[in-house]
Amino acid sequence: MLSFNVLDDLKEELKVLNDFINQKDTKEKIESAIDLMSSSIKQGGKIISAGNGGSMCDAMHFAEELTGRYRNDRPAYPAIAICDPSHMSCVGNDYGFDYVFSRFLEGMGFKGDVFLGISTSGNSKNIIECCHVCKEKGIKSVLLLGKDGGKLKDQCDLPIIVPHLGYADRIQEVHTMIIHIMIRGIEETLAK
């Protein structure tokens, strides 16, 4: 016998999703992210994504759907997730974990690219460091955040915040939906 009611978990996620939907600028921010990313790709740029733990899995999922296929057959789109273990262990050892993403972005990101950072807390130091690199190099930054947006909400070009103060898994579930909507929007926009 489980110590929790499965339906309560589903109802909690529904509430988190409704709270996100009912923010005044949810639709506009997601559409802006789609426009920013599509424009970058049209102009020869790429999208570089990063996150920690489950958010890294989301960053990888985002990139593989763009380079692979989401719903429609179409050309591969330029996207990469920062997840190479040799890079991360090298930078982590030499510079510290706070720089495992920003060092990659510094080497592989260029003006016209877009950085998609994912942080359920809104306070991931290694994503904060990426925002510094984005500003230095003219890379646009879109961040999927949780809770109240944390420190990161004011350090990027476009924060998309899932306002939930509970466990990170509820935030990640909405982040996955946002990622799917962005991929679908990019596919549709680039197919025109």
N, C-alpha and C. Protein backbone atom coordinates (compact mmCIF):
# COMPACT_ATOMS: atom_id res chain seq x y z
N MET A 1 0.84 -1.18 0.00
CA MET A 1 0.00 0.00 0.00
C MET A 1 0.89 1.25 0.00
N LEU A 2 0.62 2.16 -0.90
CA LEU A 2 1.38 3.40 -1.00
C LEU A 2 1.03 4.34 0.16
N SER A 3 1.99 5.17 0.53
CA SER A 3 1.76 6.13 1.61
C SER A 3 1.13 7.42 1.10
N PHE A 4 0.86 7.49 -0.21
CA PHE A 4 0.25 8.70 -0.78
C PHE A 4 -0.83 8.28 -1.77
N ASN A 5 -1.70 9.20 -2.09
CA ASN A 5 -2.77 8.97 -3.04
C ASN A 5 -2.29 9.42 -4.42
N VAL A 6 -2.25 8.50 -5.36
CA VAL A 6 -1.78 8.79 -6.72
C VAL A 6 -2.57 9.95 -7.32
N LEU A 7 -3.87 9.97 -7.11
CA LEU A 7 -4.70 11.04 -7.68
C LEU A 7 -4.34 12.40 -7.09
N ASP A 8 -3.89 12.43 -5.84
CA ASP A 8 -3.46 13.70 -5.24
C ASP A 8 -2.25 14.26 -5.97
N ASP A 9 -1.32 13.39 -6.36
CA ASP A 9 -0.16 13.85 -7.13
C ASP A 9 -0.60 14.43 -8.47
N LEU A 10 -1.51 13.76 -9.14
CA LEU A 10 -2.01 14.26 -10.42
C LEU A 10 -2.73 15.60 -10.25
N LYS A 11 -3.50 15.72 -9.19
CA LYS A 11 -4.21 16.98 -8.92
C LYS A 11 -3.22 18.10 -8.58
N GLU A 12 -2.14 17.77 -7.86
CA GLU A 12 -1.14 18.78 -7.56
C GLU A 12 -0.48 19.28 -8.84
N GLU A 13 -0.15 18.36 -9.75
CA GLU A 13 0.46 18.78 -11.02
C GLU A 13 -0.51 19.63 -11.82
N LEU A 14 -1.78 19.29 -11.81
CA LEU A 14 -2.78 20.09 -12.50
C LEU A 14 -2.83 21.51 -11.94
N LYS A 15 -2.71 21.64 -10.63
CA LYS A 15 -2.70 22.97 -10.00
C LYS A 15 -1.45 23.76 -10.42
N VAL A 16 -0.30 23.09 -10.42
CA VAL A 16 0.94 23.76 -10.84
C VAL A 16 0.81 24.23 -12.28
N LEU A 17 0.28 23.38 -13.14
CA LEU A 17 0.09 23.74 -14.55
C LEU A 17 -0.88 24.90 -14.68
N ASN A 18 -2.00 24.85 -13.95
CA ASN A 18 -2.97 25.95 -14.01
C ASN A 18 -2.38 27.26 -13.51
N ASP A 19 -1.59 27.21 -12.44
CA ASP A 19 -0.94 28.42 -11.94
C ASP A 19 -0.01 29.01 -13.00
N PHE A 20 0.70 28.13 -13.71
CA PHE A 20 1.59 28.59 -14.78
C PHE A 20 0.80 29.19 -15.93
N ILE A 21 -0.25 28.49 -16.35
CA ILE A 21 -1.08 28.97 -17.46
C ILE A 21 -1.70 30.32 -17.14
N ASN A 22 -2.10 30.53 -15.90
CA ASN A 22 -2.83 31.73 -15.51
C ASN A 22 -1.96 32.95 -15.21
N GLN A 23 -0.64 32.82 -15.36
CA GLN A 23 0.21 34.01 -15.29
C GLN A 23 -0.13 34.90 -16.49
N LYS A 24 0.00 36.19 -16.32
CA LYS A 24 -0.42 37.11 -17.39
C LYS A 24 0.39 37.00 -18.68
N ASP A 25 1.63 36.53 -18.61
CA ASP A 25 2.48 36.57 -19.79
C ASP A 25 2.98 35.20 -20.26
N THR A 26 2.34 34.13 -19.83
CA THR A 26 2.81 32.78 -20.18
C THR A 26 2.85 32.56 -21.69
N LYS A 27 1.76 32.81 -22.36
CA LYS A 27 1.67 32.58 -23.80
C LYS A 27 2.70 33.42 -24.55
N GLU A 28 2.78 34.69 -24.20
CA GLU A 28 3.67 35.62 -24.88
C GLU A 28 5.14 35.21 -24.71
N LYS A 29 5.50 34.77 -23.50
CA LYS A 29 6.89 34.39 -23.26
C LYS A 29 7.28 33.14 -24.04
N ILE A 30 6.40 32.16 -24.08
CA ILE A 30 6.72 30.95 -24.84
C ILE A 30 6.81 31.28 -26.34
N GLU A 31 5.88 32.10 -26.83
CA GLU A 31 5.93 32.49 -28.23
C GLU A 31 7.19 33.30 -28.54
N SER A 32 7.62 34.14 -27.61
CA SER A 32 8.86 34.91 -27.80
C SER A 32 10.07 33.98 -27.86
N ALA A 33 10.08 32.95 -27.01
CA ALA A 33 11.18 31.97 -27.04
C ALA A 33 11.22 31.25 -28.38
N ILE A 34 10.07 30.86 -28.87
CA ILE A 34 9.98 30.19 -30.18
C ILE A 34 10.52 31.11 -31.28
N ASP A 35 10.10 32.38 -31.26
CA ASP A 35 10.55 33.34 -32.27
C ASP A 35 12.06 33.54 -32.20
N LEU A 36 12.58 33.70 -30.99
CA LEU A 36 14.01 33.93 -30.79
C LEU A 36 14.83 32.76 -31.32
N MET A 37 14.41 31.54 -30.97
CA MET A 37 15.14 30.35 -31.38
C MET A 37 15.02 30.10 -32.88
N SER A 38 13.83 30.29 -33.42
CA SER A 38 13.63 30.10 -34.87
C SER A 38 14.44 31.10 -35.67
N SER A 39 14.45 32.35 -35.22
CA SER A 39 15.23 33.38 -35.91
C SER A 39 16.71 33.06 -35.89
N SER A 40 17.20 32.57 -34.76
CA SER A 40 18.61 32.19 -34.65
C SER A 40 18.95 31.12 -35.67
N ILE A 41 18.12 30.09 -35.73
CA ILE A 41 18.38 28.99 -36.67
C ILE A 41 18.32 29.48 -38.11
N LYS A 42 17.33 30.32 -38.43
CA LYS A 42 17.21 30.86 -39.79
C LYS A 42 18.45 31.64 -40.21
N GLN A 43 19.09 32.29 -39.25
CA GLN A 43 20.25 33.13 -39.53
C GLN A 43 21.58 32.40 -39.34
N GLY A 44 21.52 31.07 -39.22
CA GLY A 44 22.74 30.28 -39.14
C GLY A 44 23.24 30.04 -37.72
N GLY A 45 22.44 30.40 -36.73
CA GLY A 45 22.82 30.17 -35.33
C GLY A 45 22.39 28.80 -34.84
N LYS A 46 22.64 28.56 -33.57
CA LYS A 46 22.28 27.29 -32.95
C LYS A 46 21.75 27.54 -31.55
N ILE A 47 21.19 26.49 -30.97
CA ILE A 47 20.70 26.57 -29.60
C ILE A 47 21.55 25.63 -28.75
N ILE A 48 22.08 26.16 -27.67
CA ILE A 48 22.88 25.39 -26.72
C ILE A 48 22.09 25.32 -25.42
N SER A 49 21.84 24.11 -24.93
CA SER A 49 21.01 23.94 -23.73
C SER A 49 21.80 23.30 -22.61
N ALA A 50 21.38 23.61 -21.36
CA ALA A 50 22.06 23.05 -20.20
C ALA A 50 21.15 23.06 -18.98
N GLY A 51 21.41 22.13 -18.08
CA GLY A 51 20.70 22.05 -16.80
C GLY A 51 21.36 20.98 -15.95
N ASN A 52 20.98 20.92 -14.69
CA ASN A 52 21.56 19.96 -13.75
C ASN A 52 20.57 18.83 -13.43
N GLY A 53 21.07 17.61 -13.32
CA GLY A 53 20.22 16.49 -12.94
C GLY A 53 19.12 16.25 -13.94
N GLY A 54 17.87 16.22 -13.47
CA GLY A 54 16.73 16.04 -14.37
C GLY A 54 16.63 17.14 -15.40
N SER A 55 17.07 18.34 -15.05
CA SER A 55 17.07 19.44 -16.01
C SER A 55 18.10 19.22 -17.11
N MET A 56 19.18 18.49 -16.82
CA MET A 56 20.11 18.13 -17.89
C MET A 56 19.42 17.17 -18.86
N CYS A 57 18.66 16.25 -18.31
CA CYS A 57 17.91 15.33 -19.17
C CYS A 57 16.94 16.10 -20.06
N ASP A 58 16.30 17.13 -19.50
CA ASP A 58 15.41 17.98 -20.30
C ASP A 58 16.18 18.74 -21.37
N ALA A 59 17.37 19.25 -21.03
CA ALA A 59 18.21 19.96 -22.00
C ALA A 59 18.61 19.02 -23.14
N MET A 60 18.96 17.78 -22.80
CA MET A 60 19.31 16.79 -23.81
C MET A 60 18.11 16.44 -24.67
N HIS A 61 16.97 16.29 -24.05
CA HIS A 61 15.74 15.95 -24.77
C HIS A 61 15.40 17.05 -25.78
N PHE A 62 15.52 18.30 -25.34
CA PHE A 62 15.26 19.43 -26.23
C PHE A 62 16.17 19.37 -27.47
N ALA A 63 17.47 19.20 -27.23
CA ALA A 63 18.43 19.19 -28.34
C ALA A 63 18.22 18.01 -29.28
N GLU A 64 17.97 16.83 -28.73
CA GLU A 64 17.82 15.66 -29.60
C GLU A 64 16.55 15.72 -30.43
N GLU A 65 15.51 16.35 -29.92
CA GLU A 65 14.29 16.48 -30.72
C GLU A 65 14.51 17.44 -31.89
N LEU A 66 15.39 18.43 -31.71
CA LEU A 66 15.68 19.37 -32.80
C LEU A 66 16.63 18.78 -33.83
N THR A 67 17.65 18.06 -33.37
CA THR A 67 18.57 17.45 -34.33
C THR A 67 18.00 16.19 -34.94
N GLY A 68 17.07 15.57 -34.24
CA GLY A 68 16.43 14.36 -34.74
C GLY A 68 15.09 14.68 -35.39
N ARG A 69 14.04 14.35 -34.68
CA ARG A 69 12.69 14.53 -35.21
C ARG A 69 11.73 14.64 -34.05
N TYR A 70 10.79 15.55 -34.13
CA TYR A 70 9.74 15.64 -33.11
C TYR A 70 8.45 15.06 -33.68
N ARG A 71 7.68 15.85 -34.37
CA ARG A 71 6.43 15.34 -34.95
C ARG A 71 6.51 15.14 -36.46
N ASN A 72 7.34 15.93 -37.10
CA ASN A 72 7.35 15.93 -38.56
C ASN A 72 8.73 15.62 -39.12
N ASP A 73 8.74 15.01 -40.31
CA ASP A 73 10.00 14.84 -41.03
C ASP A 73 10.42 16.20 -41.56
N ARG A 74 11.66 16.56 -41.32
CA ARG A 74 12.20 17.85 -41.74
C ARG A 74 13.71 17.80 -41.55
N PRO A 75 14.42 18.83 -42.03
CA PRO A 75 15.88 18.84 -41.83
C PRO A 75 16.22 18.89 -40.33
N ALA A 76 17.40 18.43 -39.98
CA ALA A 76 17.88 18.55 -38.61
C ALA A 76 18.17 20.02 -38.32
N TYR A 77 17.85 20.45 -37.10
CA TYR A 77 18.12 21.82 -36.68
C TYR A 77 19.31 21.83 -35.72
N PRO A 78 20.13 22.88 -35.78
CA PRO A 78 21.35 22.92 -34.96
C PRO A 78 21.08 23.19 -33.48
N ALA A 79 21.28 22.17 -32.68
CA ALA A 79 21.08 22.27 -31.23
C ALA A 79 21.99 21.26 -30.55
N ILE A 80 22.51 21.64 -29.39
CA ILE A 80 23.37 20.73 -28.63
C ILE A 80 23.18 20.99 -27.15
N ALA A 81 23.16 19.91 -26.39
CA ALA A 81 23.10 20.02 -24.93
C ALA A 81 24.51 19.87 -24.37
N ILE A 82 24.80 20.64 -23.34
CA ILE A 82 26.11 20.54 -22.69
C ILE A 82 26.05 19.38 -21.71
N CYS A 83 26.60 18.25 -22.13
CA CYS A 83 26.50 17.04 -21.30
C CYS A 83 27.65 16.07 -21.50
N ASP A 84 28.71 16.51 -22.17
CA ASP A 84 29.85 15.65 -22.43
C ASP A 84 30.58 15.38 -21.11
N PRO A 85 30.63 14.12 -20.67
CA PRO A 85 31.24 13.83 -19.36
C PRO A 85 32.72 14.19 -19.28
N SER A 86 33.47 14.04 -20.39
CA SER A 86 34.90 14.38 -20.32
C SER A 86 35.08 15.89 -20.17
N HIS A 87 34.27 16.67 -20.87
CA HIS A 87 34.33 18.13 -20.71
C HIS A 87 33.96 18.52 -19.28
N MET A 88 32.88 17.95 -18.78
CA MET A 88 32.39 18.33 -17.46
C MET A 88 33.36 17.93 -16.35
N SER A 89 33.98 16.76 -16.47
CA SER A 89 34.93 16.35 -15.43
C SER A 89 36.23 17.15 -15.53
N CYS A 90 36.64 17.48 -16.75
CA CYS A 90 37.84 18.31 -16.94
C CYS A 90 37.63 19.70 -16.32
N VAL A 91 36.54 20.36 -16.71
CA VAL A 91 36.29 21.72 -16.21
C VAL A 91 35.98 21.69 -14.72
N GLY A 92 35.22 20.69 -14.28
CA GLY A 92 34.92 20.57 -12.85
C GLY A 92 36.18 20.42 -12.03
N ASN A 93 37.11 19.64 -12.53
CA ASN A 93 38.37 19.42 -11.82
C ASN A 93 39.26 20.67 -11.85
N ASP A 94 39.35 21.31 -13.01
CA ASP A 94 40.28 22.42 -13.18
C ASP A 94 39.74 23.76 -12.69
N TYR A 95 38.44 23.98 -12.84
CA TYR A 95 37.86 25.28 -12.52
C TYR A 95 36.76 25.23 -11.46
N GLY A 96 36.13 24.08 -11.29
CA GLY A 96 35.02 23.95 -10.35
C GLY A 96 33.71 23.74 -11.08
N PHE A 97 32.76 23.12 -10.39
CA PHE A 97 31.48 22.75 -10.99
C PHE A 97 30.68 23.96 -11.47
N ASP A 98 30.90 25.12 -10.86
CA ASP A 98 30.16 26.32 -11.27
C ASP A 98 30.45 26.72 -12.72
N TYR A 99 31.50 26.17 -13.32
CA TYR A 99 31.92 26.59 -14.66
C TYR A 99 31.79 25.51 -15.72
N VAL A 100 31.16 24.37 -15.38
CA VAL A 100 31.10 23.27 -16.34
C VAL A 100 30.29 23.61 -17.59
N PHE A 101 29.30 24.48 -17.47
CA PHE A 101 28.51 24.87 -18.64
C PHE A 101 29.08 26.12 -19.31
N SER A 102 29.49 27.08 -18.52
CA SER A 102 29.93 28.36 -19.08
C SER A 102 31.21 28.22 -19.91
N ARG A 103 32.11 27.32 -19.53
CA ARG A 103 33.33 27.13 -20.32
C ARG A 103 32.98 26.57 -21.71
N PHE A 104 32.01 25.66 -21.76
CA PHE A 104 31.55 25.13 -23.05
C PHE A 104 30.93 26.25 -23.88
N LEU A 105 30.07 27.03 -23.24
CA LEU A 105 29.39 28.13 -23.93
C LEU A 105 30.40 29.16 -24.43
N GLU A 106 31.42 29.41 -23.64
CA GLU A 106 32.47 30.35 -24.02
C GLU A 106 33.18 29.87 -25.29
N GLY A 107 33.41 28.57 -25.41
CA GLY A 107 34.11 28.03 -26.56
C GLY A 107 33.24 27.78 -27.77
N MET A 108 31.99 27.43 -27.54
CA MET A 108 31.12 26.98 -28.65
C MET A 108 29.98 27.94 -28.99
N GLY A 109 29.75 28.94 -28.15
CA GLY A 109 28.65 29.87 -28.39
C GLY A 109 29.13 31.13 -29.08
N PHE A 110 28.32 31.64 -30.00
CA PHE A 110 28.67 32.85 -30.74
C PHE A 110 27.46 33.76 -30.84
N LYS A 111 27.73 35.03 -31.10
CA LYS A 111 26.65 36.00 -31.27
C LYS A 111 25.67 35.45 -32.30
N GLY A 112 24.40 35.54 -31.98
CA GLY A 112 23.36 34.99 -32.85
C GLY A 112 22.84 33.65 -32.38
N ASP A 113 23.58 32.99 -31.50
CA ASP A 113 23.11 31.74 -30.90
C ASP A 113 22.13 32.04 -29.77
N VAL A 114 21.46 31.01 -29.30
CA VAL A 114 20.55 31.13 -28.15
C VAL A 114 20.95 30.08 -27.12
N PHE A 115 21.01 30.50 -25.87
CA PHE A 115 21.26 29.58 -24.76
C PHE A 115 19.94 29.30 -24.06
N LEU A 116 19.61 28.00 -23.92
CA LEU A 116 18.44 27.58 -23.14
C LEU A 116 18.95 26.96 -21.85
N GLY A 117 18.78 27.67 -20.74
CA GLY A 117 19.17 27.17 -19.44
C GLY A 117 17.95 26.74 -18.65
N ILE A 118 18.12 25.67 -17.88
CA ILE A 118 17.00 25.13 -17.11
C ILE A 118 17.42 25.00 -15.65
N SER A 119 16.66 25.63 -14.76
CA SER A 119 16.95 25.58 -13.33
C SER A 119 15.65 25.64 -12.54
N THR A 120 15.30 24.54 -11.90
CA THR A 120 14.04 24.52 -11.14
C THR A 120 14.10 25.44 -9.93
N SER A 121 15.29 25.68 -9.39
CA SER A 121 15.42 26.57 -8.23
C SER A 121 15.53 28.03 -8.65
N GLY A 122 16.03 28.25 -9.87
CA GLY A 122 16.30 29.61 -10.31
C GLY A 122 17.60 30.16 -9.76
N ASN A 123 18.38 29.31 -9.12
CA ASN A 123 19.60 29.76 -8.46
C ASN A 123 20.84 28.94 -8.81
N SER A 124 20.79 28.11 -9.84
CA SER A 124 21.94 27.25 -10.18
C SER A 124 23.14 28.11 -10.57
N LYS A 125 24.21 27.99 -9.81
CA LYS A 125 25.39 28.85 -10.03
C LYS A 125 25.99 28.61 -11.41
N ASN A 126 25.96 27.37 -11.89
CA ASN A 126 26.56 27.12 -13.20
C ASN A 126 25.71 27.68 -14.35
N ILE A 127 24.43 27.89 -14.13
CA ILE A 127 23.60 28.56 -15.12
C ILE A 127 23.81 30.07 -15.02
N ILE A 128 23.98 30.58 -13.80
CA ILE A 128 24.30 32.00 -13.61
C ILE A 128 25.56 32.36 -14.39
N GLU A 129 26.58 31.50 -14.29
CA GLU A 129 27.83 31.76 -15.03
C GLU A 129 27.59 31.79 -16.53
N CYS A 130 26.67 30.97 -17.02
CA CYS A 130 26.33 30.99 -18.45
C CYS A 130 25.72 32.33 -18.84
N CYS A 131 24.91 32.90 -17.97
CA CYS A 131 24.30 34.21 -18.27
C CYS A 131 25.37 35.29 -18.42
N HIS A 132 26.45 35.20 -17.63
CA HIS A 132 27.55 36.15 -17.77
C HIS A 132 28.20 36.00 -19.15
N VAL A 133 28.44 34.76 -19.57
CA VAL A 133 29.04 34.51 -20.88
C VAL A 133 28.11 35.00 -21.99
N CYS A 134 26.82 34.77 -21.84
CA CYS A 134 25.85 35.23 -22.86
C CYS A 134 25.95 36.73 -23.05
N LYS A 135 26.00 37.46 -21.95
CA LYS A 135 26.10 38.93 -22.04
C LYS A 135 27.40 39.36 -22.71
N GLU A 136 28.48 38.71 -22.36
CA GLU A 136 29.79 39.04 -22.93
C GLU A 136 29.85 38.78 -24.43
N LYS A 137 29.20 37.69 -24.86
CA LYS A 137 29.34 37.26 -26.26
C LYS A 137 28.15 37.63 -27.15
N GLY A 138 27.11 38.24 -26.60
CA GLY A 138 25.94 38.60 -27.41
C GLY A 138 25.07 37.41 -27.75
N ILE A 139 25.04 36.42 -26.85
CA ILE A 139 24.19 35.24 -27.02
C ILE A 139 22.89 35.50 -26.27
N LYS A 140 21.75 35.31 -26.90
CA LYS A 140 20.46 35.49 -26.23
C LYS A 140 20.24 34.33 -25.26
N SER A 141 19.61 34.62 -24.12
CA SER A 141 19.38 33.59 -23.12
C SER A 141 17.90 33.46 -22.80
N VAL A 142 17.41 32.23 -22.88
CA VAL A 142 16.05 31.86 -22.47
C VAL A 142 16.22 30.89 -21.32
N LEU A 143 15.57 31.16 -20.19
CA LEU A 143 15.70 30.28 -19.04
C LEU A 143 14.35 29.75 -18.60
N LEU A 144 14.28 28.44 -18.40
CA LEU A 144 13.12 27.81 -17.78
C LEU A 144 13.43 27.71 -16.29
N LEU A 145 12.64 28.37 -15.47
CA LEU A 145 12.90 28.48 -14.04
C LEU A 145 11.71 27.98 -13.24
N GLY A 146 11.94 27.82 -11.95
CA GLY A 146 10.88 27.43 -11.03
C GLY A 146 10.84 28.35 -9.84
N LYS A 147 9.97 28.01 -8.92
CA LYS A 147 9.76 28.77 -7.69
C LYS A 147 9.41 30.21 -8.02
N ASP A 148 10.18 31.20 -7.54
CA ASP A 148 9.90 32.60 -7.88
C ASP A 148 10.86 33.12 -8.95
N GLY A 149 11.60 32.23 -9.58
CA GLY A 149 12.56 32.60 -10.60
C GLY A 149 13.97 32.78 -10.06
N GLY A 150 14.09 32.92 -8.75
CA GLY A 150 15.39 33.03 -8.11
C GLY A 150 16.25 34.15 -8.66
N LYS A 151 17.55 34.00 -8.49
CA LYS A 151 18.51 35.01 -8.95
C LYS A 151 18.55 35.10 -10.47
N LEU A 152 18.22 34.00 -11.13
CA LEU A 152 18.37 33.94 -12.59
C LEU A 152 17.33 34.77 -13.34
N LYS A 153 16.19 35.03 -12.74
CA LYS A 153 15.12 35.71 -13.48
C LYS A 153 15.54 37.09 -13.98
N ASP A 154 16.50 37.72 -13.29
CA ASP A 154 16.95 39.05 -13.67
C ASP A 154 18.26 39.03 -14.45
N GLN A 155 18.76 37.84 -14.78
CA GLN A 155 20.06 37.76 -15.44
C GLN A 155 19.97 37.26 -16.88
N CYS A 156 18.78 37.11 -17.40
CA CYS A 156 18.62 36.55 -18.75
C CYS A 156 17.74 37.45 -19.59
N ASP A 157 17.68 37.14 -20.87
CA ASP A 157 16.84 37.91 -21.78
C ASP A 157 15.37 37.54 -21.64
N LEU A 158 15.09 36.25 -21.39
CA LEU A 158 13.71 35.80 -21.34
C LEU A 158 13.52 34.72 -20.28
N PRO A 159 13.05 35.10 -19.08
CA PRO A 159 12.76 34.09 -18.06
C PRO A 159 11.34 33.54 -18.22
N ILE A 160 11.22 32.23 -18.17
CA ILE A 160 9.90 31.58 -18.18
C ILE A 160 9.81 30.82 -16.86
N ILE A 161 8.94 31.30 -15.97
CA ILE A 161 8.92 30.82 -14.59
C ILE A 161 7.68 29.99 -14.30
N VAL A 162 7.91 28.79 -13.76
CA VAL A 162 6.83 27.95 -13.25
C VAL A 162 6.73 28.23 -11.74
N PRO A 163 5.70 28.97 -11.31
CA PRO A 163 5.65 29.45 -9.93
C PRO A 163 5.15 28.38 -8.94
N HIS A 164 6.08 27.54 -8.50
CA HIS A 164 5.72 26.47 -7.56
C HIS A 164 6.82 26.39 -6.50
N LEU A 165 6.43 26.45 -5.25
CA LEU A 165 7.41 26.45 -4.17
C LEU A 165 7.62 25.06 -3.57
N GLY A 166 6.97 24.06 -4.11
CA GLY A 166 7.12 22.70 -3.61
C GLY A 166 8.28 21.98 -4.26
N TYR A 167 8.15 20.67 -4.37
CA TYR A 167 9.23 19.84 -4.92
C TYR A 167 9.49 20.14 -6.39
N ALA A 168 10.75 19.91 -6.79
CA ALA A 168 11.19 20.23 -8.15
C ALA A 168 10.52 19.38 -9.22
N ASP A 169 10.08 18.17 -8.87
CA ASP A 169 9.50 17.31 -9.90
C ASP A 169 8.26 17.92 -10.54
N ARG A 170 7.46 18.64 -9.78
CA ARG A 170 6.27 19.28 -10.35
C ARG A 170 6.68 20.37 -11.34
N ILE A 171 7.74 21.09 -11.02
CA ILE A 171 8.25 22.13 -11.93
C ILE A 171 8.79 21.49 -13.19
N GLN A 172 9.56 20.41 -13.04
CA GLN A 172 10.14 19.73 -14.20
C GLN A 172 9.06 19.20 -15.14
N GLU A 173 7.96 18.75 -14.59
CA GLU A 173 6.88 18.23 -15.43
C GLU A 173 6.32 19.32 -16.33
N VAL A 174 6.20 20.53 -15.82
CA VAL A 174 5.73 21.64 -16.65
C VAL A 174 6.84 22.07 -17.62
N HIS A 175 8.09 22.06 -17.17
CA HIS A 175 9.21 22.38 -18.07
C HIS A 175 9.19 21.47 -19.29
N THR A 176 8.91 20.19 -19.08
CA THR A 176 8.85 19.25 -20.21
C THR A 176 7.77 19.66 -21.20
N MET A 177 6.63 20.09 -20.70
CA MET A 177 5.55 20.56 -21.59
C MET A 177 6.00 21.79 -22.38
N ILE A 178 6.65 22.73 -21.69
CA ILE A 178 7.13 23.94 -22.36
C ILE A 178 8.13 23.57 -23.46
N ILE A 179 9.03 22.67 -23.16
CA ILE A 179 10.02 22.22 -24.14
C ILE A 179 9.33 21.64 -25.37
N HIS A 180 8.34 20.81 -25.16
CA HIS A 180 7.62 20.23 -26.29
C HIS A 180 6.92 21.30 -27.12
N ILE A 181 6.31 22.27 -26.46
CA ILE A 181 5.63 23.36 -27.19
C ILE A 181 6.65 24.17 -27.98
N MET A 182 7.81 24.45 -27.38
CA MET A 182 8.84 25.21 -28.10
C MET A 182 9.33 24.45 -29.32
N ILE A 183 9.57 23.16 -29.18
CA ILE A 183 10.03 22.36 -30.32
C ILE A 183 8.97 22.36 -31.41
N ARG A 184 7.74 22.16 -31.04
CA ARG A 184 6.66 22.16 -32.03
C ARG A 184 6.59 23.52 -32.75
N GLY A 185 6.72 24.60 -31.96
CA GLY A 185 6.68 25.94 -32.56
C GLY A 185 7.84 26.19 -33.48
N ILE A 186 9.03 25.73 -33.12
CA ILE A 186 10.20 25.89 -33.98
C ILE A 186 10.00 25.12 -35.28
N GLU A 187 9.53 23.88 -35.17
CA GLU A 187 9.25 23.09 -36.38
C GLU A 187 8.28 23.79 -37.30
N GLU A 188 7.19 24.29 -36.73
CA GLU A 188 6.16 24.96 -37.53
C GLU A 188 6.70 26.24 -38.16
N THR A 189 7.42 27.03 -37.39
CA THR A 189 7.95 28.29 -37.90
C THR A 189 8.95 28.06 -39.02
N LEU A 190 9.83 27.11 -38.86
CA LEU A 190 10.87 26.88 -39.86
C LEU A 190 10.35 26.16 -41.10
N ALA A 191 9.18 25.54 -40.99
CA ALA A 191 8.59 24.87 -42.14
C ALA A 191 7.95 25.85 -43.12
N LYS A 192 7.75 27.09 -42.67
CA LYS A 192 7.06 28.10 -43.52
C LYS A 192 7.98 28.61 -44.61
